[in-house]
Protein backbone atom coordinates (compact mmCIF):
# COMPACT_ATOMS: atom_id res chain seq x y z
CA MET A 1 -66.08 29.14 -86.71
CA LYS A 2 -66.35 32.55 -85.06
CA SER A 3 -62.91 34.04 -85.68
CA VAL A 4 -59.55 33.34 -87.28
CA GLY A 5 -56.15 34.72 -86.41
CA PHE A 6 -52.48 33.83 -86.46
CA LEU A 7 -49.78 33.21 -83.86
CA SER A 8 -46.18 34.01 -84.83
CA PHE A 9 -43.09 32.86 -82.93
CA GLY A 10 -40.94 35.29 -84.90
CA HIS A 11 -37.99 33.04 -85.66
CA TYR A 12 -34.98 34.64 -87.33
CA GLN A 13 -31.62 33.19 -88.34
CA PRO A 14 -28.70 34.48 -90.42
CA VAL A 15 -28.62 31.34 -92.57
CA PRO A 16 -28.60 30.87 -96.35
CA GLY A 17 -32.05 31.27 -97.88
CA SER A 18 -33.58 33.00 -94.88
CA GLN A 19 -35.64 36.12 -95.56
CA THR A 20 -35.77 36.85 -91.84
CA ARG A 21 -32.13 37.10 -90.88
CA THR A 22 -32.13 39.71 -88.10
CA ALA A 23 -34.27 40.95 -85.23
CA SER A 24 -35.05 44.03 -87.30
CA ASP A 25 -36.31 41.81 -90.12
CA VAL A 26 -38.69 39.86 -87.93
CA LEU A 27 -40.08 42.93 -86.16
CA LEU A 28 -40.77 44.85 -89.37
CA GLN A 29 -42.14 41.77 -91.14
CA SER A 30 -44.41 41.06 -88.16
CA ILE A 31 -45.96 44.50 -88.53
CA ASP A 32 -46.46 43.93 -92.26
CA LEU A 33 -47.93 40.48 -91.55
CA ALA A 34 -50.53 41.94 -89.19
CA VAL A 35 -51.45 44.65 -91.70
CA ALA A 36 -51.87 42.04 -94.44
CA ALA A 37 -53.90 39.79 -92.12
CA GLU A 38 -56.29 42.64 -91.38
CA GLU A 39 -56.66 43.40 -95.10
CA LEU A 40 -57.59 39.75 -95.67
CA GLY A 41 -60.25 39.94 -92.95
CA LEU A 42 -58.54 37.97 -90.18
CA ASP A 43 -59.63 38.70 -86.60
CA GLY A 44 -56.46 38.30 -84.54
CA ALA A 45 -52.69 38.88 -84.70
CA PHE A 46 -50.89 37.20 -81.80
CA PHE A 47 -47.18 36.97 -81.05
CA ARG A 48 -45.19 34.52 -78.95
CA VAL A 49 -42.74 35.78 -76.32
CA HIS A 50 -39.48 33.80 -75.93
CA HIS A 51 -36.39 35.02 -74.10
CA PHE A 52 -32.83 33.84 -74.74
CA ALA A 53 -33.73 32.73 -78.27
CA ARG A 54 -33.72 34.16 -81.80
CA GLN A 55 -37.42 34.84 -81.57
CA LEU A 56 -39.73 37.68 -80.59
CA ALA A 57 -39.01 38.67 -76.98
CA SER A 58 -40.33 42.17 -76.18
CA PRO A 59 -43.98 42.24 -77.22
CA PHE A 60 -45.26 45.68 -76.29
CA PRO A 61 -43.23 47.87 -78.68
CA LEU A 62 -44.26 45.48 -81.47
CA LEU A 63 -47.92 45.47 -80.41
CA ALA A 64 -47.94 49.27 -80.21
CA ALA A 65 -46.51 49.50 -83.73
CA VAL A 66 -49.04 46.97 -85.04
CA GLY A 67 -51.82 48.87 -83.29
CA ALA A 68 -50.76 52.09 -84.95
CA ARG A 69 -50.76 50.50 -88.43
CA THR A 70 -54.08 48.64 -88.11
CA SER A 71 -57.61 49.55 -87.09
CA THR A 72 -59.80 46.48 -86.54
CA ILE A 73 -57.74 43.33 -85.94
CA GLU A 74 -57.25 42.24 -82.32
CA ILE A 75 -53.62 42.08 -81.22
CA GLY A 76 -52.06 40.15 -78.38
CA THR A 77 -49.54 37.79 -76.88
CA GLY A 78 -49.49 34.02 -76.82
CA VAL A 79 -48.10 34.00 -74.15
CA ILE A 80 -46.06 36.13 -71.74
CA ASP A 81 -44.02 34.13 -69.21
CA MET A 82 -44.90 35.84 -65.93
CA ARG A 83 -41.71 34.65 -64.24
CA TYR A 84 -39.86 37.37 -66.17
CA GLU A 85 -42.27 40.24 -65.58
CA ASN A 86 -42.33 43.29 -63.35
CA PRO A 87 -46.12 43.56 -62.89
CA LEU A 88 -46.32 47.36 -62.75
CA TYR A 89 -43.97 47.90 -65.66
CA MET A 90 -45.87 45.31 -67.71
CA ALA A 91 -49.18 47.00 -66.89
CA GLU A 92 -47.89 50.39 -68.02
CA ASP A 93 -46.51 48.97 -71.28
CA ALA A 94 -49.70 47.00 -71.94
CA ALA A 95 -51.88 50.03 -71.24
CA ALA A 96 -49.85 52.17 -73.65
CA ALA A 97 -50.15 49.55 -76.40
CA ASP A 98 -53.88 49.24 -75.73
CA LEU A 99 -54.39 53.00 -75.99
CA ILE A 100 -52.46 53.18 -79.25
CA SER A 101 -54.54 50.33 -80.69
CA GLY A 102 -57.85 51.82 -79.57
CA GLY A 103 -58.63 49.08 -77.06
CA ARG A 104 -57.78 46.00 -79.16
CA LEU A 105 -55.13 44.42 -76.93
CA GLN A 106 -55.60 40.83 -75.69
CA LEU A 107 -53.09 39.72 -73.03
CA GLY A 108 -52.06 36.08 -72.99
CA ILE A 109 -50.06 35.02 -69.94
CA SER A 110 -48.58 31.82 -68.49
CA ARG A 111 -46.63 30.59 -65.49
CA GLY A 112 -43.71 29.44 -67.64
CA SER A 113 -42.63 26.91 -70.21
CA PRO A 114 -39.44 25.02 -71.14
CA GLU A 115 -36.74 27.48 -72.16
CA THR A 116 -33.24 27.52 -73.56
CA ALA A 117 -31.72 29.25 -70.51
CA ILE A 118 -31.69 27.54 -67.11
CA ARG A 119 -33.55 29.81 -64.67
CA GLY A 120 -33.31 32.64 -67.19
CA TYR A 121 -35.76 34.75 -65.21
CA GLN A 122 -33.07 35.20 -62.55
CA SER A 123 -31.04 37.19 -65.08
CA PHE A 124 -34.00 39.57 -65.21
CA GLY A 125 -33.74 40.08 -61.45
CA HIS A 126 -36.55 37.72 -60.42
CA VAL A 127 -35.43 35.12 -57.88
CA PRO A 128 -38.09 33.13 -56.00
CA PRO A 129 -37.86 33.53 -52.21
CA GLU A 130 -36.94 30.55 -50.08
CA GLY A 131 -39.65 27.91 -50.30
CA MET A 132 -41.29 29.38 -53.42
CA SER A 133 -41.15 27.69 -56.82
CA ASP A 134 -40.76 29.57 -60.08
CA ALA A 135 -44.39 28.74 -60.92
CA ASP A 136 -45.48 30.20 -57.57
CA MET A 137 -43.47 33.32 -58.36
CA ALA A 138 -45.26 33.60 -61.70
CA ARG A 139 -48.61 33.37 -59.89
CA ALA A 140 -47.47 36.06 -57.46
CA HIS A 141 -46.45 38.34 -60.33
CA THR A 142 -49.83 37.76 -61.97
CA GLY A 143 -51.65 38.55 -58.74
CA ALA A 144 -49.79 41.87 -58.54
CA VAL A 145 -50.78 43.01 -62.04
CA PRO A 146 -52.58 46.35 -61.60
CA GLY A 147 -56.31 46.30 -62.16
CA ARG A 148 -56.98 43.40 -59.78
CA ASP A 149 -56.68 45.86 -56.89
CA ARG A 150 -57.33 49.00 -58.95
CA ARG A 151 -53.70 50.10 -58.87
CA CYS A 152 -54.02 50.98 -62.54
CA GLY A 153 -57.44 52.48 -62.00
CA GLY A 154 -56.57 55.75 -60.34
CA ARG A 155 -55.76 54.97 -56.71
CA GLY A 156 -52.30 56.02 -55.57
CA LEU A 157 -49.74 53.36 -54.73
CA ARG A 158 -47.40 55.48 -52.69
CA SER A 159 -47.55 58.54 -50.46
CA ALA A 160 -46.96 61.71 -52.44
CA ASP A 161 -43.69 63.61 -52.41
CA ASP A 162 -44.68 67.29 -52.12
CA ARG A 163 -41.47 68.51 -53.73
CA PRO A 164 -42.23 67.76 -57.42
CA VAL A 165 -44.55 70.25 -59.07
CA GLY A 166 -48.04 68.84 -59.61
CA SER A 167 -47.96 66.11 -56.94
CA ALA A 168 -51.36 65.10 -55.68
CA SER A 169 -52.00 65.84 -52.04
CA GLY A 170 -51.70 62.78 -49.84
CA HIS A 171 -51.16 60.10 -52.51
CA ALA A 172 -48.92 59.77 -55.52
CA PRO A 173 -50.76 59.07 -58.81
CA GLY A 174 -51.51 55.47 -59.68
CA ALA A 175 -49.42 53.61 -62.23
CA GLY A 176 -50.29 54.81 -65.67
CA PRO A 177 -51.47 55.10 -68.31
CA GLN A 178 -54.55 53.52 -66.80
CA ARG A 179 -56.54 50.77 -68.56
CA PRO A 180 -58.26 48.81 -65.76
CA HIS A 181 -60.46 46.95 -68.26
CA LEU A 182 -57.42 44.99 -69.43
CA VAL A 183 -57.71 42.71 -66.43
CA GLY A 184 -60.93 41.40 -67.99
CA VAL A 185 -59.40 40.58 -71.39
CA ARG A 186 -56.46 38.61 -70.06
CA HIS A 187 -56.06 35.03 -71.26
CA LYS A 188 -54.21 32.16 -69.69
CA GLY A 189 -51.89 29.68 -71.38
CA HIS A 190 -52.85 26.15 -70.33
CA GLY A 191 -50.74 23.00 -70.31
CA SER A 192 -53.67 20.73 -71.21
CA LEU A 193 -57.24 20.81 -72.46
CA ASP A 194 -58.42 19.55 -69.06
CA ARG A 195 -56.79 22.50 -67.36
CA ALA A 196 -58.25 24.87 -69.94
CA ALA A 197 -61.70 23.52 -69.08
CA GLY A 198 -61.03 24.02 -65.37
CA ASP A 199 -60.91 20.33 -64.45
CA GLU A 200 -57.54 20.80 -62.79
CA PRO A 201 -57.27 23.53 -60.13
CA ASP A 202 -54.80 26.19 -61.20
CA GLU A 203 -54.53 29.43 -59.28
CA LEU A 204 -52.26 31.23 -61.74
CA ASP A 205 -54.79 34.02 -61.83
CA ALA A 206 -57.78 34.32 -59.56
CA ALA A 207 -59.43 36.54 -62.16
CA ASP A 208 -59.51 33.51 -64.46
CA ARG A 209 -62.10 31.83 -62.25
CA GLY A 210 -64.68 33.72 -64.27
CA HIS A 211 -62.85 32.63 -67.42
CA ARG A 212 -63.10 28.99 -66.42
CA ARG A 213 -66.81 29.37 -65.70
CA SER A 214 -67.34 30.71 -69.20
CA VAL A 215 -65.38 27.78 -70.65
CA ARG A 216 -67.56 25.29 -68.77
CA ARG A 217 -70.65 26.87 -70.30
CA GLY A 218 -69.30 26.07 -73.75
CA ARG A 219 -65.91 26.16 -75.43
CA GLY A 220 -65.58 28.78 -78.10
CA SER A 221 -67.82 31.33 -76.45
CA SER A 222 -66.90 35.00 -76.66
CA ARG A 223 -68.20 38.17 -75.09
CA SER A 224 -68.59 41.59 -76.56
CA ARG A 225 -66.29 44.32 -75.32
CA SER A 226 -68.44 47.18 -76.59
CA SER A 227 -67.85 48.93 -73.27
CA VAL A 228 -64.16 49.21 -74.17
CA THR A 229 -64.51 50.89 -77.54
CA PRO A 230 -67.66 52.48 -78.99
CA GLY A 231 -69.44 50.97 -81.95
CA PRO A 232 -69.86 47.36 -83.15
CA ARG A 233 -66.84 45.11 -82.94
CA ARG A 234 -66.12 41.74 -84.46
CA ALA A 235 -65.89 38.94 -81.93
CA GLY A 236 -62.21 38.23 -81.38
CA SER A 237 -60.54 34.97 -80.49
CA GLY A 238 -59.00 34.29 -77.10
CA LEU A 239 -56.32 31.69 -76.53
CA HIS A 240 -57.78 28.19 -76.57
CA GLY A 241 -60.98 29.63 -78.05
CA SER A 242 -62.38 31.36 -74.97
CA ARG A 243 -62.35 34.82 -73.45
CA SER A 244 -62.01 35.90 -69.84
CA ALA A 245 -65.16 37.30 -68.33
CA ALA A 246 -65.09 41.09 -68.24
CA ALA A 247 -64.11 42.57 -64.91
């Protein structure tokens, strides 16, 4: 066994006997749980993301708080439903949490799972175009996550407006803060072990082709990310026991 962590769904209910009755309870207790896990020597603190349920739903403020209270444990999501996500906004939030944690963020993503709300992602403003399924939309959102095309790596997305003070000449600044390495530590939620091993084609994320190659070489492998943060690091655990190849 190379690493051990935990995954919390963050359930809360105002019912008799519950010690986690409110959203505030579960958020604060999740931070304390991660701190305690690090003190015990665990390697990873991961949190589920569920919308329209009494569970954890907005991961990045929580991950930033956990990152600020800990120093060695890897932190991440298991997993983010990409049907609900604005890729640029998600990249900015993820980059901020990664900076606060000192480069310990592990992103787990998926193309969707059964949920309590029918087409809940539409309430977030994401409606698949004609002829596109919700899974296809999730793949499209994933493909637009900055880093794949260096949009979070310094290149401007839009032409600059010369009126604001400090605008760059010719191009507006890229989305930021900028953590282009995150695209190489992104993990994918799989529906089956066969899919995790790459036996079933799944183009959720083209960057995961390298991930699937590493899985074929041997499940449970991990790669050092010493280029992300200086000094020795413990090998962390990716979802399903494997890590995406570094970009």
